[in-house]
Amino acid sequence: MTRRCDVLVVGAGPAGLVAARDLTVAAPSLDVLVLERDRSIGSPVRCGEGVGSQGIVEVIDPTDAPWISRRITRVIFLSPDGTEVRVAEGDVGYILDRSRFEPVLAEQAGRNGAEFVIGCEVTGVERTAYGWRVLTRGTGGEGTIDARLIIAADGVESMVGRWAGLDTRVRSRDMESCAQYVVGGISFDPDAIYLHFGDEIAPGGYAWVFPKGTDVANVGLGIVALRAREGRSARSYLDRYCDAYFPTGVKTGYTVGGVIVSPTLPQIVADGLMLCGDAAHMINPLSGGGIVNAMKSGRLAAEVAATALRYGDASASRLRPYHGAWMRLLGDDHVRFFRIKEALSRFDDPFFDSLARTVNGIPEHRRTLRRIFASALVRNPALLPVVAKYFA
């Protein structure tokens, strides 16, 4: 394949799809091409598929949508010893069926004029007078694409930004290794998501149960490999977790992946290039959630890209407002969340077991994250300098 386009979007995940969709609405005259290395959009699924309700409605209407697996109205935290703490009641969020969700976003972008090439990966990028020459490899062999602007939404393992000269490295301690099963025939509250913390459960991370139905759920966990005992893998921790909590469950699917739990990269634009979503480390460092963040970044990237190309200027200075807009929207919060995560990592399992019992002394209808952190501060004032910056 050899061709030319105005904007090349690399990666047909939530960030790239929303960027392509919104860009073709904002600037219908632009030739927008989307490359996806996998052979289908929306799979394989490499996450728990949970999203907050407020975030999803900003991008797409979830009402009666076939790509919603489950509506969530409660959050249940579990301390290391299994003590349950029920926190939220109400319109919490949704569990997606990403194999159906992302094709819907792709269809919307396609109807607006975006073109898709599936099963095609980028193998390198080179600067040209036009913008970028992108080297590709796919089912049809090797090829090149000349693009005025690249929106790189190629995920955690992003190489496009690195090839373009941006520093996208991740410290080992800021990368979680994750594993997940789809488990059926198990019992849980189907209207709740479960988050289970503990050094024996998932060192440096947590285990989750995200309902896909009344008796089937995504059961997974993430660990910081540097904190794993005897070099154990995320899957070995997950196997032990399933044996302990869902011994009769039937595993029907399995996936592995990585999650970056550090703040947004300090530089996410270059001449003719923008990083989006996981590629820019736009993941919530405290929760590891990234779907809604990715879609929000895609919207911002589309807005800035449309303006830049309208003026015929895709330089880094013209694209830089994208970074500022992202930091104001969520990036500055992520810096604070990262500091909270770092502070919490200093405490052991007995601290969190005791905290859970303390929080359970608060009437359930009054339990909020603010009150949980207030309880944590009473038990350990050393948290105050970090937490106060967020909750003050």
Protein backbone atom coordinates (compact mmCIF):
# COMPACT_ATOMS: atom_id res chain seq x y z
CA MET A 1 0.00 0.00 0.00
CA THR A 2 1.37 3.37 -1.03
CA ARG A 3 -0.77 6.44 -0.55
CA ARG A 4 -1.05 9.95 0.87
CA CYS A 5 -3.44 11.39 3.48
CA ASP A 6 -3.90 14.46 5.61
CA VAL A 7 -4.10 12.64 8.95
CA LEU A 8 -2.97 9.13 9.78
CA VAL A 9 -4.41 7.69 12.99
CA VAL A 10 -2.33 4.76 14.22
CA GLY A 11 -4.44 2.45 16.38
CA ALA A 12 -8.19 1.79 16.30
CA GLY A 13 -8.75 1.69 20.05
CA PRO A 14 -10.95 4.17 21.92
CA ALA A 15 -8.47 7.07 21.54
CA GLY A 16 -7.85 6.62 17.84
CA LEU A 17 -11.48 5.95 16.96
CA VAL A 18 -12.81 9.01 18.76
CA ALA A 19 -10.02 11.13 17.27
CA ALA A 20 -10.92 9.93 13.77
CA ARG A 21 -14.65 10.35 14.31
CA ASP A 22 -14.44 13.84 15.76
CA LEU A 23 -11.82 14.99 13.28
CA THR A 24 -13.97 14.04 10.30
CA VAL A 25 -16.84 16.00 11.84
CA ALA A 26 -14.73 19.07 12.62
CA ALA A 27 -12.95 19.07 9.24
CA PRO A 28 -14.91 17.01 6.66
CA SER A 29 -12.52 17.93 3.85
CA LEU A 30 -9.58 16.16 5.49
CA ASP A 31 -8.50 12.75 4.25
CA VAL A 32 -8.32 10.67 7.46
CA LEU A 33 -6.87 7.15 7.41
CA VAL A 34 -6.90 4.77 10.41
CA LEU A 35 -4.49 1.84 10.70
CA GLU A 36 -5.13 -1.09 13.04
CA ARG A 37 -2.54 -3.83 13.40
CA ASP A 38 -4.99 -6.45 14.74
CA ARG A 39 -7.33 -8.18 12.33
CA SER A 40 -10.50 -6.97 14.03
CA ILE A 41 -11.46 -3.78 15.83
CA GLY A 42 -12.38 -4.27 19.49
CA SER A 43 -10.49 -7.49 20.08
CA PRO A 44 -8.54 -8.96 21.65
CA VAL A 45 -9.76 -7.30 24.85
CA ARG A 46 -6.88 -6.35 27.14
CA CYS A 47 -8.70 -4.67 30.03
CA GLY A 48 -11.53 -5.08 32.54
CA GLU A 49 -13.87 -3.03 30.27
CA GLY A 50 -15.16 -0.80 33.07
CA VAL A 51 -16.01 2.88 32.47
CA GLY A 52 -17.54 5.63 34.58
CA SER A 53 -21.03 6.70 33.58
CA GLN A 54 -20.22 10.40 33.40
CA GLY A 55 -17.24 9.86 31.12
CA ILE A 56 -18.99 7.61 28.62
CA VAL A 57 -22.01 9.87 28.06
CA GLU A 58 -19.71 12.68 26.96
CA VAL A 59 -18.66 10.58 23.97
CA ILE A 60 -21.59 8.32 23.10
CA ASP A 61 -25.11 7.59 24.36
CA PRO A 62 -25.17 4.33 26.37
CA THR A 63 -28.98 4.17 26.64
CA ASP A 64 -30.12 0.65 25.67
CA ALA A 65 -26.83 0.18 23.81
CA PRO A 66 -26.02 -3.43 22.77
CA TRP A 67 -22.38 -2.82 23.67
CA ILE A 68 -23.19 -2.45 27.39
CA SER A 69 -22.66 -5.74 29.21
CA ARG A 70 -23.74 -4.49 32.62
CA ARG A 71 -24.78 -1.29 34.38
CA ILE A 72 -22.96 -0.82 37.70
CA THR A 73 -24.54 0.87 40.72
CA ARG A 74 -22.15 -0.12 43.54
CA VAL A 75 -18.44 -0.32 44.32
CA ILE A 76 -17.17 -2.86 46.83
CA PHE A 77 -13.62 -2.59 48.13
CA LEU A 78 -12.06 -5.62 49.81
CA SER A 79 -9.19 -5.27 52.24
CA PRO A 80 -6.36 -7.83 52.24
CA ASP A 81 -8.19 -10.09 54.74
CA GLY A 82 -11.40 -9.96 52.66
CA THR A 83 -13.31 -7.37 54.69
CA GLU A 84 -15.90 -5.74 52.39
CA VAL A 85 -16.35 -1.97 52.29
CA ARG A 86 -19.33 -0.80 50.23
CA VAL A 87 -18.80 2.77 49.05
CA ALA A 88 -20.86 4.02 46.12
CA GLU A 89 -24.56 3.65 45.41
CA GLY A 90 -26.14 5.12 42.30
CA ASP A 91 -25.13 5.65 38.70
CA VAL A 92 -21.54 4.42 38.98
CA GLY A 93 -20.71 3.17 35.51
CA TYR A 94 -20.85 0.41 32.94
CA ILE A 95 -19.03 -2.73 31.90
CA LEU A 96 -18.56 -2.58 28.15
CA ASP A 97 -18.48 -5.30 25.55
CA ARG A 98 -15.51 -3.85 23.72
CA SER A 99 -15.83 -6.33 20.87
CA ARG A 100 -19.09 -4.53 20.05
CA PHE A 101 -18.35 -1.06 21.41
CA GLU A 102 -15.34 -0.17 19.31
CA PRO A 103 -16.86 -1.31 16.00
CA VAL A 104 -19.69 1.16 16.69
CA LEU A 105 -17.18 3.99 17.07
CA ALA A 106 -15.48 2.82 13.87
CA GLU A 107 -18.79 2.81 12.00
CA GLN A 108 -19.46 6.37 13.14
CA ALA A 109 -16.03 7.49 11.95
CA GLY A 110 -16.46 5.61 8.68
CA ARG A 111 -19.83 7.22 7.97
CA ASN A 112 -18.15 10.59 8.46
CA GLY A 113 -15.54 9.74 5.85
CA ALA A 114 -12.64 8.08 7.69
CA GLU A 115 -10.99 5.15 5.92
CA PHE A 116 -9.81 2.03 7.76
CA VAL A 117 -7.06 -0.47 7.01
CA ILE A 118 -7.09 -3.53 9.29
CA GLY A 119 -4.26 -5.98 9.85
CA CYS A 120 -1.62 -3.38 9.04
CA GLU A 121 1.14 -2.29 11.42
CA VAL A 122 3.59 0.60 11.39
CA THR A 123 7.23 -0.43 11.23
CA GLY A 124 8.89 2.99 11.16
CA VAL A 125 8.48 6.71 10.48
CA GLU A 126 10.61 9.23 8.59
CA ARG A 127 10.39 13.02 8.31
CA THR A 128 9.66 14.42 4.85
CA ALA A 129 8.87 17.82 3.36
CA TYR A 130 5.19 16.79 3.33
CA GLY A 131 5.20 15.72 6.98
CA TRP A 132 5.85 12.06 7.77
CA ARG A 133 6.48 8.98 5.70
CA VAL A 134 5.13 5.97 7.56
CA LEU A 135 6.45 2.50 6.76
CA THR A 136 3.84 -0.25 7.01
CA ARG A 137 3.55 -4.02 6.86
CA GLY A 138 0.29 -5.89 6.43
CA THR A 139 -1.46 -8.72 4.65
CA GLY A 140 -0.71 -7.04 1.32
CA GLY A 141 2.99 -6.71 2.06
CA GLU A 142 5.07 -3.65 2.83
CA GLY A 143 4.07 -0.12 1.93
CA THR A 144 4.35 3.58 2.74
CA ILE A 145 1.92 6.31 3.72
CA ASP A 146 2.71 10.00 3.52
CA ALA A 147 0.80 12.00 6.14
CA ARG A 148 0.75 15.67 7.07
CA LEU A 149 -0.07 14.72 10.67
CA ILE A 150 0.07 11.51 12.70
CA ILE A 151 -2.17 10.87 15.69
CA ALA A 152 -0.39 8.01 17.46
CA ALA A 153 -2.89 6.02 19.53
CA ASP A 154 -0.97 2.77 19.42
CA GLY A 155 -1.33 1.80 23.06
CA VAL A 156 0.94 1.01 25.98
CA GLU A 157 3.59 -0.51 23.75
CA SER A 158 3.63 2.58 21.47
CA MET A 159 6.62 2.80 19.16
CA VAL A 160 5.50 5.62 16.86
CA GLY A 161 6.27 8.32 19.41
CA ARG A 162 9.67 6.81 20.15
CA TRP A 163 10.55 6.57 16.45
CA ALA A 164 9.55 10.23 16.09
CA GLY A 165 12.00 11.25 18.82
CA LEU A 166 9.75 11.51 21.89
CA ASP A 167 10.84 9.91 25.16
CA THR A 168 8.11 7.34 25.91
CA ARG A 169 10.09 5.16 28.30
CA VAL A 170 8.43 3.75 31.43
CA ARG A 171 10.17 2.97 34.71
CA SER A 172 9.79 -0.65 35.73
CA ARG A 173 8.10 0.32 38.98
CA ASP A 174 5.49 2.31 37.01
CA MET A 175 4.41 -0.61 34.85
CA GLU A 176 1.88 -3.17 36.07
CA SER A 177 1.65 -6.61 34.57
CA CYS A 178 -1.96 -7.72 34.24
CA ALA A 179 -3.82 -10.96 33.63
CA GLN A 180 -7.54 -11.60 33.29
CA TYR A 181 -9.96 -14.48 32.85
CA VAL A 182 -13.57 -14.40 31.76
CA VAL A 183 -15.11 -16.63 34.44
CA GLY A 184 -18.62 -18.05 34.33
CA GLY A 185 -20.81 -19.94 36.79
CA ILE A 186 -19.79 -17.84 39.80
CA SER A 187 -21.66 -15.92 42.49
CA PHE A 188 -21.25 -12.20 43.18
CA ASP A 189 -23.30 -9.01 43.30
CA PRO A 190 -23.96 -8.45 39.56
CA ASP A 191 -24.60 -4.73 40.08
CA ALA A 192 -21.23 -4.09 41.74
CA ILE A 193 -17.58 -3.98 40.80
CA TYR A 194 -15.15 -5.48 43.30
CA LEU A 195 -11.65 -4.14 43.94
CA HIS A 196 -9.48 -6.33 46.18
CA PHE A 197 -6.23 -4.97 47.60
CA GLY A 198 -3.35 -6.66 49.40
CA ASP A 199 0.28 -7.58 49.01
CA GLU A 200 -0.58 -11.28 48.97
CA ILE A 201 -3.44 -10.69 46.52
CA ALA A 202 -1.74 -8.42 43.98
CA PRO A 203 1.50 -6.74 45.10
CA GLY A 204 1.54 -3.10 44.01
CA GLY A 205 -1.87 -3.38 42.35
CA TYR A 206 -5.25 -4.99 42.99
CA ALA A 207 -7.60 -7.73 41.84
CA TRP A 208 -10.95 -6.94 40.24
CA VAL A 209 -14.27 -8.56 39.47
CA PHE A 210 -16.21 -6.73 36.76
CA PRO A 211 -19.61 -8.32 36.00
CA LYS A 212 -20.43 -9.19 32.40
CA GLY A 213 -23.75 -10.78 33.42
CA THR A 214 -25.46 -12.24 36.45
CA ASP A 215 -22.99 -15.14 36.80
CA VAL A 216 -20.09 -14.26 34.50
CA ALA A 217 -17.38 -11.66 35.07
CA ASN A 218 -13.99 -10.38 34.05
CA VAL A 219 -11.77 -11.53 36.92
CA GLY A 220 -8.28 -10.14 36.78
CA LEU A 221 -5.44 -8.44 38.61
CA GLY A 222 -2.43 -6.27 38.07
CA ILE A 223 0.89 -6.45 39.88
CA VAL A 224 4.11 -4.47 39.94
CA ALA A 225 6.57 -7.13 38.84
CA LEU A 226 9.35 -5.71 41.02
CA ARG A 227 7.21 -6.41 44.10
CA ALA A 228 6.17 -9.95 43.14
CA ARG A 229 7.41 -12.73 45.39
CA GLU A 230 10.03 -15.00 43.84
CA GLY A 231 9.47 -13.47 40.42
CA ARG A 232 5.94 -14.83 40.14
CA SER A 233 3.86 -13.76 37.15
CA ALA A 234 0.52 -11.94 37.18
CA ARG A 235 -1.12 -15.10 35.90
CA SER A 236 0.19 -17.18 38.79
CA TYR A 237 -1.29 -14.65 41.23
CA LEU A 238 -4.56 -14.72 39.29
CA ASP A 239 -4.71 -18.52 39.30
CA ARG A 240 -4.28 -18.53 43.05
CA TYR A 241 -6.94 -15.83 43.41
CA CYS A 242 -9.46 -17.74 41.32
CA ASP A 243 -8.73 -20.95 43.21
CA ALA A 244 -9.40 -19.17 46.49
CA TYR A 245 -12.50 -17.15 45.58
CA PHE A 246 -14.04 -18.86 42.53
CA PRO A 247 -12.93 -22.50 42.74
CA THR A 248 -15.90 -23.79 40.72
CA GLY A 249 -15.80 -21.05 38.09
CA VAL A 250 -15.45 -21.93 34.42
CA LYS A 251 -12.77 -19.98 32.59
CA THR A 252 -13.83 -19.16 29.02
CA GLY A 253 -11.30 -16.52 28.06
CA TYR A 254 -7.84 -15.27 28.98
CA THR A 255 -5.76 -12.21 28.22
CA VAL A 256 -2.58 -10.54 29.45
CA GLY A 257 -1.23 -7.02 29.09
CA GLY A 258 0.48 -4.12 30.75
CA VAL A 259 -0.78 -0.92 32.37
CA ILE A 260 1.31 2.21 32.83
CA VAL A 261 0.67 3.79 36.24
CA SER A 262 2.61 7.05 35.97
CA PRO A 263 1.56 10.58 35.03
CA THR A 264 1.16 11.78 31.44
CA LEU A 265 4.38 12.14 29.46
CA PRO A 266 5.85 15.65 29.69
CA GLN A 267 6.05 15.87 25.90
CA ILE A 268 3.18 14.43 23.80
CA VAL A 269 3.55 16.47 20.60
CA ALA A 270 6.22 16.97 17.98
CA ASP A 271 6.16 18.48 14.53
CA GLY A 272 3.27 16.75 12.78
CA LEU A 273 2.71 14.28 15.62
CA MET A 274 0.36 13.88 18.59
CA LEU A 275 0.23 11.05 21.14
CA CYS A 276 -3.16 9.92 22.47
CA GLY A 277 -4.46 7.67 25.22
CA ASP A 278 -2.20 4.94 26.58
CA ALA A 279 0.56 5.94 24.14
CA ALA A 280 0.84 9.25 26.02
CA HIS A 281 0.54 7.54 29.44
CA MET A 282 -2.90 9.11 29.97
CA ILE A 283 -3.98 6.36 32.37
CA ASN A 284 -5.24 7.07 35.87
CA PRO A 285 -2.20 6.04 37.98
CA LEU A 286 -4.34 5.23 41.01
CA SER A 287 -6.98 3.03 39.34
CA GLY A 288 -5.26 1.98 36.13
CA GLY A 289 -8.38 3.02 34.20
CA GLY A 290 -7.79 4.33 30.71
CA ILE A 291 -10.78 3.90 28.36
CA VAL A 292 -12.58 7.16 29.13
CA ASN A 293 -9.28 9.03 29.39
CA ALA A 294 -8.33 7.74 25.95
CA MET A 295 -11.60 8.92 24.41
CA LYS A 296 -11.29 12.35 26.03
CA SER A 297 -7.76 12.68 24.67
CA GLY A 298 -9.00 11.68 21.22
CA ARG A 299 -11.55 14.48 21.30
CA LEU A 300 -8.95 17.04 22.33
CA ALA A 301 -6.50 15.82 19.68
CA ALA A 302 -9.15 16.07 16.96
CA GLU A 303 -10.02 19.62 17.98
CA VAL A 304 -6.42 20.85 17.97
CA ALA A 305 -5.51 18.92 14.80
CA ALA A 306 -8.45 20.34 12.87
CA THR A 307 -7.46 23.89 13.81
CA ALA A 308 -3.79 23.32 12.99
CA LEU A 309 -4.46 21.89 9.56
CA ARG A 310 -7.01 24.58 8.80
CA TYR A 311 -4.14 27.06 9.09
CA GLY A 312 -1.74 24.76 7.26
CA ASP A 313 0.57 24.53 10.27
CA ALA A 314 1.16 21.19 12.01
CA SER A 315 4.27 22.31 13.85
CA ALA A 316 4.87 21.34 17.46
CA SER A 317 4.17 24.90 18.59
CA ARG A 318 0.77 24.85 16.88
CA LEU A 319 -0.07 21.45 18.40
CA ARG A 320 1.17 22.28 21.90
CA PRO A 321 -2.22 23.57 23.16
CA TYR A 322 -3.34 19.94 23.08
CA HIS A 323 -0.97 19.14 25.96
CA GLY A 324 -2.12 22.12 27.99
CA ALA A 325 -5.79 21.30 27.45
CA TRP A 326 -5.21 17.70 28.54
CA MET A 327 -3.37 18.69 31.70
CA ARG A 328 -6.17 21.04 32.70
CA LEU A 329 -8.79 18.39 31.97
CA LEU A 330 -7.24 15.36 33.70
CA GLY A 331 -3.45 15.40 33.54
CA ASP A 332 -2.92 17.56 36.63
CA ASP A 333 -5.25 15.28 38.60
CA HIS A 334 -3.23 12.28 37.46
CA VAL A 335 -0.08 13.83 38.93
CA ARG A 336 -1.87 14.07 42.28
CA PHE A 337 -3.24 10.52 41.98
CA PHE A 338 0.28 9.26 41.31
CA ARG A 339 1.53 10.91 44.51
CA ILE A 340 -1.32 9.36 46.48
CA LYS A 341 -0.51 5.96 44.97
CA GLU A 342 3.14 6.35 45.93
CA ALA A 343 2.18 7.33 49.49
CA LEU A 344 -0.23 4.42 49.92
CA SER A 345 2.39 1.95 48.71
CA ARG A 346 4.33 2.53 51.94
CA PHE A 347 1.65 0.89 54.10
CA ASP A 348 1.27 -2.80 54.83
CA ASP A 349 -1.74 -5.13 54.76
CA PRO A 350 -2.61 -4.78 58.48
CA PHE A 351 -2.98 -1.01 57.97
CA PHE A 352 -5.55 -1.52 55.21
CA ASP A 353 -7.39 -4.26 57.15
CA SER A 354 -7.70 -1.89 60.10
CA LEU A 355 -8.74 0.98 57.82
CA ALA A 356 -11.51 -1.17 56.32
CA ARG A 357 -12.93 -1.92 59.74
CA THR A 358 -12.79 1.78 60.64
CA VAL A 359 -14.58 2.80 57.46
CA ASN A 360 -17.26 0.18 58.04
CA GLY A 361 -18.06 2.07 61.23
CA ILE A 362 -19.30 4.95 59.04
CA PRO A 363 -22.96 4.56 57.99
CA GLU A 364 -23.01 3.13 54.48
CA HIS A 365 -24.93 6.05 52.96
CA ARG A 366 -22.22 8.43 54.22
CA ARG A 367 -19.19 6.52 52.93
CA THR A 368 -17.30 8.52 50.32
CA LEU A 369 -13.73 8.53 49.10
CA ARG A 370 -13.16 11.73 51.04
CA ARG A 371 -14.25 10.09 54.28
CA ILE A 372 -12.13 7.02 53.55
CA PHE A 373 -9.06 9.19 53.10
CA ALA A 374 -9.98 11.18 56.21
CA SER A 375 -10.03 7.90 58.15
CA ALA A 376 -6.66 6.99 56.66
CA LEU A 377 -5.24 10.34 57.77
CA VAL A 378 -6.41 9.78 61.34
CA ARG A 379 -4.58 6.46 61.34
CA ASN A 380 -1.46 7.84 59.66
CA PRO A 381 -0.95 11.63 59.50
CA ALA A 382 2.08 11.12 57.24
CA LEU A 383 -0.38 10.97 54.35
CA LEU A 384 -1.52 14.55 54.95
CA PRO A 385 1.00 16.42 52.75
CA VAL A 386 0.07 14.28 49.74
CA VAL A 387 -3.67 13.83 50.19
CA ALA A 388 -4.32 17.45 51.15
CA LYS A 389 -3.13 18.64 47.75
CA TYR A 390 -6.00 16.77 46.17
CA PHE A 391 -8.80 16.93 48.72
CA ALA A 392 -8.21 20.45 50.06
